[in-house]
N, C-alpha and C. Protein backbone atom coordinates (compact mmCIF):
# COMPACT_ATOMS: atom_id res chain seq x y z
N MET A 1 -5.00 -14.76 -19.12
CA MET A 1 -3.66 -15.04 -17.48
C MET A 1 -3.15 -13.95 -17.61
N VAL A 2 -3.46 -12.48 -17.39
CA VAL A 2 -2.46 -12.00 -17.58
C VAL A 2 -1.86 -11.47 -16.30
N ARG A 3 -0.30 -11.50 -16.15
CA ARG A 3 0.49 -10.85 -15.02
C ARG A 3 1.91 -10.40 -15.34
N ILE A 4 1.07 -9.13 -14.43
CA ILE A 4 2.71 -8.27 -14.51
C ILE A 4 3.29 -7.67 -13.05
N SER A 5 4.38 -7.59 -12.87
CA SER A 5 4.53 -7.62 -12.06
C SER A 5 4.71 -8.36 -10.29
N GLY A 6 4.27 -9.59 -10.82
CA GLY A 6 4.19 -10.81 -9.86
C GLY A 6 2.90 -10.75 -9.94
N ILE A 7 1.81 -9.96 -10.28
CA ILE A 7 1.26 -10.37 -9.85
C ILE A 7 -0.36 -10.69 -11.26
N VAL A 8 -1.24 -11.51 -10.94
CA VAL A 8 -1.92 -11.70 -11.47
C VAL A 8 -2.99 -11.25 -11.99
N LEU A 9 -3.09 -10.06 -13.17
CA LEU A 9 -4.11 -9.53 -13.58
C LEU A 9 -6.18 -10.25 -13.35
N PRO A 10 -7.21 -9.37 -12.69
CA PRO A 10 -8.39 -10.09 -12.97
C PRO A 10 -8.86 -9.96 -14.12
N GLY A 11 -9.23 -11.16 -14.72
CA GLY A 11 -9.46 -11.04 -16.07
C GLY A 11 -10.87 -10.45 -16.78
N LYS A 12 -11.56 -10.69 -15.85
CA LYS A 12 -13.38 -9.75 -16.68
C LYS A 12 -12.89 -8.58 -15.87
N LYS A 13 -12.10 -7.92 -14.95
CA LYS A 13 -12.04 -6.34 -15.03
C LYS A 13 -11.61 -5.61 -16.17
N ARG A 14 -12.17 -4.13 -16.50
CA ARG A 14 -11.87 -3.19 -17.74
C ARG A 14 -10.10 -3.18 -16.99
N MET A 15 -9.12 -3.06 -17.80
CA MET A 15 -7.76 -3.13 -18.08
C MET A 15 -7.62 -1.46 -17.04
N ALA A 16 -8.16 -0.61 -17.29
CA ALA A 16 -7.56 0.61 -16.04
C ALA A 16 -8.33 0.28 -14.40
N ILE A 17 -8.95 -0.82 -14.37
CA ILE A 17 -9.51 -1.57 -12.84
C ILE A 17 -8.56 -1.92 -12.50
N ALA A 18 -8.17 -3.49 -13.54
CA ALA A 18 -7.30 -4.42 -13.33
C ALA A 18 -5.59 -4.35 -13.14
N LEU A 19 -5.54 -3.04 -13.47
CA LEU A 19 -3.68 -2.77 -13.06
C LEU A 19 -3.81 -2.08 -11.61
N MET A 20 -5.09 -1.91 -10.85
CA MET A 20 -4.68 -1.59 -9.67
C MET A 20 -5.08 -2.21 -8.76
N SER A 21 -4.95 -3.21 -8.56
CA SER A 21 -4.31 -4.75 -8.08
C SER A 21 -2.53 -4.61 -7.85
N ILE A 22 -2.08 -3.57 -8.68
CA ILE A 22 -0.62 -4.06 -8.41
C ILE A 22 -0.88 -2.11 -7.30
N LYS A 23 0.05 -3.27 -6.01
CA LYS A 23 0.37 -2.39 -5.29
C LYS A 23 1.19 -1.50 -5.32
N GLY A 24 0.64 -0.17 -5.56
CA GLY A 24 1.40 1.69 -6.40
C GLY A 24 0.84 1.89 -7.43
N ILE A 25 0.15 1.15 -8.16
CA ILE A 25 -0.40 1.93 -8.96
C ILE A 25 -1.85 2.13 -8.37
N GLY A 26 -2.45 3.18 -8.88
CA GLY A 26 -3.79 3.86 -8.52
C GLY A 26 -3.96 4.01 -10.17
N GLN A 27 -5.57 5.01 -9.98
CA GLN A 27 -5.94 5.45 -11.18
C GLN A 27 -5.66 6.48 -12.24
N SER A 28 -4.62 6.87 -11.81
CA SER A 28 -4.47 8.13 -12.90
C SER A 28 -3.23 7.40 -13.06
N LEU A 29 -2.46 6.62 -12.34
CA LEU A 29 -1.37 6.21 -13.05
C LEU A 29 -1.46 4.72 -14.13
N ALA A 30 -2.66 3.91 -13.60
CA ALA A 30 -3.05 3.27 -14.29
C ALA A 30 -3.60 3.91 -15.86
N ARG A 31 -4.60 4.81 -16.11
CA ARG A 31 -4.75 5.82 -17.44
C ARG A 31 -3.27 6.20 -18.11
N ARG A 32 -2.59 6.74 -17.17
CA ARG A 32 -1.17 6.79 -17.42
C ARG A 32 -0.21 5.73 -18.65
N VAL A 33 -0.67 4.78 -17.72
CA VAL A 33 0.18 3.70 -18.13
C VAL A 33 -0.78 3.21 -19.93
N LEU A 34 -1.96 2.77 -19.24
CA LEU A 34 -2.69 2.16 -20.58
C LEU A 34 -2.05 3.27 -22.07
N HIS A 35 -2.41 4.47 -21.40
CA HIS A 35 -2.72 5.57 -23.01
C HIS A 35 -0.85 5.59 -23.19
N ASP A 36 -0.15 5.58 -22.82
CA ASP A 36 1.30 5.66 -22.87
C ASP A 36 1.93 4.16 -24.16
N ALA A 37 1.29 3.33 -23.63
CA ALA A 37 1.22 1.74 -24.20
C ALA A 37 -0.06 1.61 -25.42
N GLY A 38 -0.86 2.30 -25.56
CA GLY A 38 -1.57 2.73 -26.41
C GLY A 38 -2.35 1.66 -26.43
N VAL A 39 -3.63 1.24 -25.42
CA VAL A 39 -4.31 0.28 -24.68
C VAL A 39 -5.38 1.07 -24.75
N SER A 40 -6.54 0.16 -24.99
CA SER A 40 -8.05 1.31 -24.64
C SER A 40 -8.04 0.54 -23.25
N LEU A 41 -8.41 1.86 -23.02
CA LEU A 41 -8.91 1.57 -20.75
C LEU A 41 -10.33 0.38 -20.74
N ASP A 42 -11.19 0.42 -21.96
CA ASP A 42 -12.08 -0.90 -21.69
C ASP A 42 -11.96 -1.96 -21.97
N LEU A 43 -10.81 -2.30 -22.12
CA LEU A 43 -10.51 -3.66 -22.47
C LEU A 43 -10.26 -4.47 -21.57
N ARG A 44 -10.83 -5.25 -21.84
CA ARG A 44 -10.88 -6.62 -20.62
C ARG A 44 -9.73 -6.96 -20.84
N ALA A 45 -9.31 -7.52 -19.31
CA ALA A 45 -7.84 -8.22 -19.52
C ALA A 45 -7.19 -9.29 -19.58
N GLU A 46 -8.68 -10.33 -20.49
CA GLU A 46 -8.35 -11.42 -20.72
C GLU A 46 -8.30 -11.03 -22.46
N GLU A 47 -9.11 -10.32 -22.38
CA GLU A 47 -9.22 -9.63 -24.28
C GLU A 47 -7.90 -9.58 -24.74
N LEU A 48 -6.56 -9.03 -23.89
CA LEU A 48 -4.71 -8.35 -24.35
C LEU A 48 -4.52 -8.92 -24.92
N SER A 49 -3.79 -8.65 -26.05
CA SER A 49 -3.21 -9.61 -26.75
C SER A 49 -1.81 -9.54 -26.75
N GLU A 50 -1.11 -10.33 -26.77
CA GLU A 50 0.57 -10.62 -26.49
C GLU A 50 1.47 -8.99 -26.59
N GLU A 51 0.70 -8.53 -27.19
CA GLU A 51 1.97 -7.63 -27.83
C GLU A 51 1.90 -6.47 -27.04
N GLN A 52 0.10 -5.95 -27.11
CA GLN A 52 -0.15 -5.59 -25.75
C GLN A 52 -0.14 -5.41 -24.67
N GLU A 53 -0.16 -6.77 -23.98
CA GLU A 53 0.49 -7.19 -22.55
C GLU A 53 1.82 -6.96 -23.10
N ALA A 54 2.91 -7.08 -23.36
CA ALA A 54 3.97 -6.82 -23.59
C ALA A 54 4.10 -5.15 -23.06
N ARG A 55 3.57 -4.29 -23.70
CA ARG A 55 3.65 -2.66 -23.76
C ARG A 55 3.58 -2.50 -22.57
N VAL A 56 2.31 -3.13 -22.01
CA VAL A 56 1.91 -2.64 -20.45
C VAL A 56 3.02 -2.88 -20.00
N ARG A 57 3.32 -4.18 -19.69
CA ARG A 57 4.35 -4.71 -18.92
C ARG A 57 5.65 -4.48 -18.69
N GLU A 58 5.93 -3.86 -20.22
CA GLU A 58 7.06 -2.82 -20.32
C GLU A 58 7.24 -1.69 -20.07
N ARG A 59 5.75 -1.04 -20.06
CA ARG A 59 5.15 0.56 -18.84
C ARG A 59 5.59 -0.12 -17.93
N VAL A 60 4.51 -0.27 -17.09
CA VAL A 60 5.13 -0.59 -15.77
C VAL A 60 6.04 -0.99 -14.96
N SER A 61 7.07 -1.53 -15.61
CA SER A 61 7.98 -1.76 -15.09
C SER A 61 9.01 -0.64 -14.43
N LYS A 62 7.94 0.40 -15.16
CA LYS A 62 9.30 2.13 -15.31
C LYS A 62 8.99 2.54 -13.76
N GLU A 63 8.24 1.91 -12.91
CA GLU A 63 7.30 2.46 -11.83
C GLU A 63 8.19 1.78 -10.99
N LEU A 64 7.30 1.70 -9.63
CA LEU A 64 7.88 1.79 -8.11
C LEU A 64 6.77 1.04 -8.00
N THR A 65 6.72 -0.32 -7.67
CA THR A 65 5.62 -1.04 -7.27
C THR A 65 6.06 -2.43 -6.88
N GLU A 66 5.11 -2.82 -6.20
CA GLU A 66 5.07 -4.20 -5.02
C GLU A 66 6.81 -3.71 -3.88
N GLY A 67 6.99 -4.84 -4.14
CA GLY A 67 8.23 -5.57 -3.44
C GLY A 67 9.40 -3.60 -3.34
N GLU A 68 9.27 -3.36 -4.67
CA GLU A 68 10.52 -2.02 -4.44
C GLU A 68 9.67 -0.71 -3.71
N LEU A 69 8.58 -0.88 -3.55
CA LEU A 69 7.81 0.34 -3.05
C LEU A 69 7.87 0.00 -1.55
N GLN A 70 7.76 -1.17 -1.35
CA GLN A 70 7.62 -1.43 -0.05
C GLN A 70 9.33 -0.99 0.71
N ARG A 71 10.17 -1.11 0.08
CA ARG A 71 11.40 -1.40 0.47
C ARG A 71 11.15 -0.34 1.01
N LYS A 72 11.42 0.97 -0.92
CA LYS A 72 11.74 1.95 -0.45
C LYS A 72 10.86 2.91 1.31
N VAL A 73 9.42 2.79 0.63
CA VAL A 73 8.67 2.71 2.52
C VAL A 73 9.36 2.75 3.39
N SER A 74 9.49 1.59 3.53
CA SER A 74 10.89 1.16 4.70
C SER A 74 11.82 1.70 5.06
N MET A 75 12.64 1.80 3.81
CA MET A 75 14.00 2.51 4.24
C MET A 75 13.86 3.72 4.35
N ASP A 76 13.24 5.03 3.54
CA ASP A 76 12.51 6.27 4.11
C ASP A 76 12.16 6.32 5.80
N ILE A 77 11.32 5.09 6.26
CA ILE A 77 10.86 5.44 7.61
C ILE A 77 12.11 4.98 8.93
N LYS A 78 12.74 4.42 8.59
CA LYS A 78 14.44 4.06 8.99
C LYS A 78 14.78 5.08 8.94
N ARG A 79 15.21 5.86 8.11
CA ARG A 79 16.34 6.96 7.58
C ARG A 79 15.55 8.29 8.62
N LEU A 80 14.32 8.69 8.95
CA LEU A 80 13.91 9.78 9.80
C LEU A 80 14.20 8.96 11.19
N GLN A 81 13.88 7.94 11.03
CA GLN A 81 14.50 8.05 12.53
C GLN A 81 15.67 7.08 13.21
N ASP A 82 16.62 6.94 12.27
CA ASP A 82 18.28 7.24 12.38
C ASP A 82 18.25 8.75 12.37
N ILE A 83 18.47 9.99 11.86
CA ILE A 83 18.56 10.83 12.23
C ILE A 83 17.68 11.97 12.85
N GLY A 84 16.84 10.86 14.07
CA GLY A 84 16.26 11.90 15.18
C GLY A 84 15.18 12.49 15.24
N THR A 85 14.20 12.77 13.47
CA THR A 85 13.17 13.52 13.40
C THR A 85 11.87 13.68 14.10
N TRP A 86 10.85 14.52 14.41
CA TRP A 86 9.66 14.10 15.01
C TRP A 86 8.55 13.12 14.20
N ARG A 87 8.81 13.24 12.85
CA ARG A 87 8.37 11.83 12.63
C ARG A 87 8.75 10.81 12.51
N GLY A 88 10.05 10.16 12.82
CA GLY A 88 10.49 9.44 12.47
C GLY A 88 10.40 8.63 14.42
N TYR A 89 10.78 9.44 15.40
CA TYR A 89 9.71 9.47 16.36
C TYR A 89 8.65 9.17 16.77
N ARG A 90 7.63 9.62 16.17
CA ARG A 90 6.19 9.16 15.84
C ARG A 90 6.05 8.05 15.79
N HIS A 91 6.59 7.49 14.14
CA HIS A 91 6.77 6.34 14.27
C HIS A 91 7.78 4.93 14.70
N LYS A 92 8.54 5.66 15.26
CA LYS A 92 8.98 4.33 16.80
C LYS A 92 8.21 4.29 17.17
N ARG A 93 7.79 5.48 18.03
CA ARG A 93 6.46 4.84 19.25
C ARG A 93 5.18 4.36 18.70
N LYS A 94 4.99 3.97 17.37
CA LYS A 94 3.71 3.92 17.08
C LYS A 94 2.52 4.73 17.14
N MET A 95 3.17 6.57 17.14
CA MET A 95 2.13 7.07 17.13
C MET A 95 1.82 7.92 16.08
N PRO A 96 0.79 8.11 15.79
CA PRO A 96 -0.16 9.35 14.84
C PRO A 96 1.43 9.68 14.32
N VAL A 97 1.08 10.21 12.81
CA VAL A 97 2.87 11.11 12.41
C VAL A 97 2.05 12.44 11.59
N ARG A 98 1.05 12.21 11.18
CA ARG A 98 1.07 13.58 10.38
C ARG A 98 0.50 15.09 11.61
N GLY A 99 0.46 14.70 12.65
CA GLY A 99 -0.37 15.81 13.61
C GLY A 99 -1.72 15.92 13.91
N GLN A 100 -1.98 14.24 13.85
CA GLN A 100 -3.41 14.08 14.06
C GLN A 100 -2.98 14.22 16.33
N THR A 101 -4.14 14.19 16.68
CA THR A 101 -3.99 14.22 18.69
C THR A 101 -4.68 12.60 18.38
N SER A 102 -3.50 12.90 19.78
CA SER A 102 -3.57 11.33 20.25
C SER A 102 -3.79 11.07 22.09
N ARG A 103 -4.76 12.33 21.90
CA ARG A 103 -5.21 11.66 24.17
C ARG A 103 -6.29 10.61 23.86
N ARG A 104 -7.33 10.69 22.94
CA ARG A 104 -8.71 9.86 23.52
C ARG A 104 -8.94 9.07 21.78
N ASN A 105 -8.09 9.65 20.85
CA ASN A 105 -8.11 8.92 19.92
C ASN A 105 -7.00 8.05 19.32
N ALA A 106 -6.95 7.94 17.97
CA ALA A 106 -5.79 7.30 17.55
C ALA A 106 -6.02 5.76 17.84
N ARG A 107 -6.88 4.63 18.03
CA ARG A 107 -7.30 3.49 18.31
C ARG A 107 -6.60 2.86 16.98
N THR A 108 -7.03 3.41 15.71
CA THR A 108 -6.23 2.72 14.80
C THR A 108 -4.96 2.02 14.65
N LYS A 109 -4.40 3.09 15.11
CA LYS A 109 -2.73 3.30 14.91
C LYS A 109 -2.54 2.84 16.81
N ARG A 110 -2.69 3.05 17.67
CA ARG A 110 -2.09 2.88 18.86
C ARG A 110 -2.91 1.18 19.71
N GLY A 111 -4.05 0.53 19.02
CA GLY A 111 -4.69 -1.04 19.53
C GLY A 111 -5.80 -0.40 20.34
N LYS A 112 -5.69 -1.60 20.56
CA LYS A 112 -6.73 -1.69 21.76
C LYS A 112 -6.14 -0.69 23.20
N ARG A 113 -7.71 -0.36 24.07
CA ARG A 113 -7.41 0.28 24.74
C ARG A 113 -6.81 -0.29 26.54
N LYS A 114 -6.00 -0.28 26.91
CA LYS A 114 -5.12 -0.63 27.97
C LYS A 114 -6.01 0.01 29.17
N THR A 115 -6.51 -0.79 30.08
CA THR A 115 -7.07 -0.29 31.20
C THR A 115 -5.46 -0.43 32.74
N GLY A 116 -6.39 0.67 33.43
CA GLY A 116 -5.25 1.04 34.64
C GLY A 116 -5.18 0.31 35.75
N LEU A 117 -5.43 -1.02 35.14
CA LEU A 117 -5.24 -1.58 36.47
C LEU A 117 -4.24 -3.18 35.86
N SER A 118 -3.91 -3.61 36.89
CA SER A 118 -2.95 -4.80 37.05
C SER A 118 -3.52 -5.48 36.04
N GLY A 119 -4.60 -6.09 36.17
CA GLY A 119 -5.06 -7.35 35.74
C GLY A 119 -4.88 -8.57 36.74
N ARG A 120 -4.88 -8.18 37.87
CA ARG A 120 -4.36 -9.00 38.99
C ARG A 120 -6.34 -9.37 39.47
N VAL A 121 -6.76 -11.22 40.23
CA VAL A 121 -7.07 -11.27 40.58
C VAL A 121 -7.57 -10.72 41.97
N VAL A 122 -8.31 -10.37 42.88
CA VAL A 122 -8.17 -9.74 43.88
C VAL A 122 -9.20 -11.10 45.04
N LEU A 123 -8.58 -11.41 46.02
CA LEU A 123 -9.67 -12.78 45.93
C LEU A 123 -10.46 -12.13 47.46
N THR A 124 -11.85 -12.03 47.54
CA THR A 124 -12.13 -12.06 48.48
C THR A 124 -12.92 -12.79 50.21
N LYS A 125 -12.84 -12.53 50.99
CA LYS A 125 -13.25 -13.27 51.23
C LYS A 125 -14.67 -13.64 51.81
N THR A 126 -15.08 -14.89 51.87
CA THR A 126 -16.46 -15.75 51.76
C THR A 126 -17.33 -15.89 52.91
């Protein structure tokens, strides 16, 4: 059981794939980490020796991962909102930030459709 950055890596997977289960490490960074640590890409996570595991853990600790990365992203968004940029305004209103149209689309960001009705039940005479 290999534990790096507070994440238990899946043991049956190759190291290049197993490292990608850590938030902030993608395909290219996983390969670079393993190359710098001198570990084979095809080695399974459960087959790592203690020394190889220590080298990989030390190399990953130099990168922004997991909680540190989430904290940095949220602070960047808060900074944009505080200085009053367009992107900060869009984040604050929970709208698409990167120039997408939002008149008809953007359901993922905006949520379920809201109808124009009040939702009040109207009684009819029977």
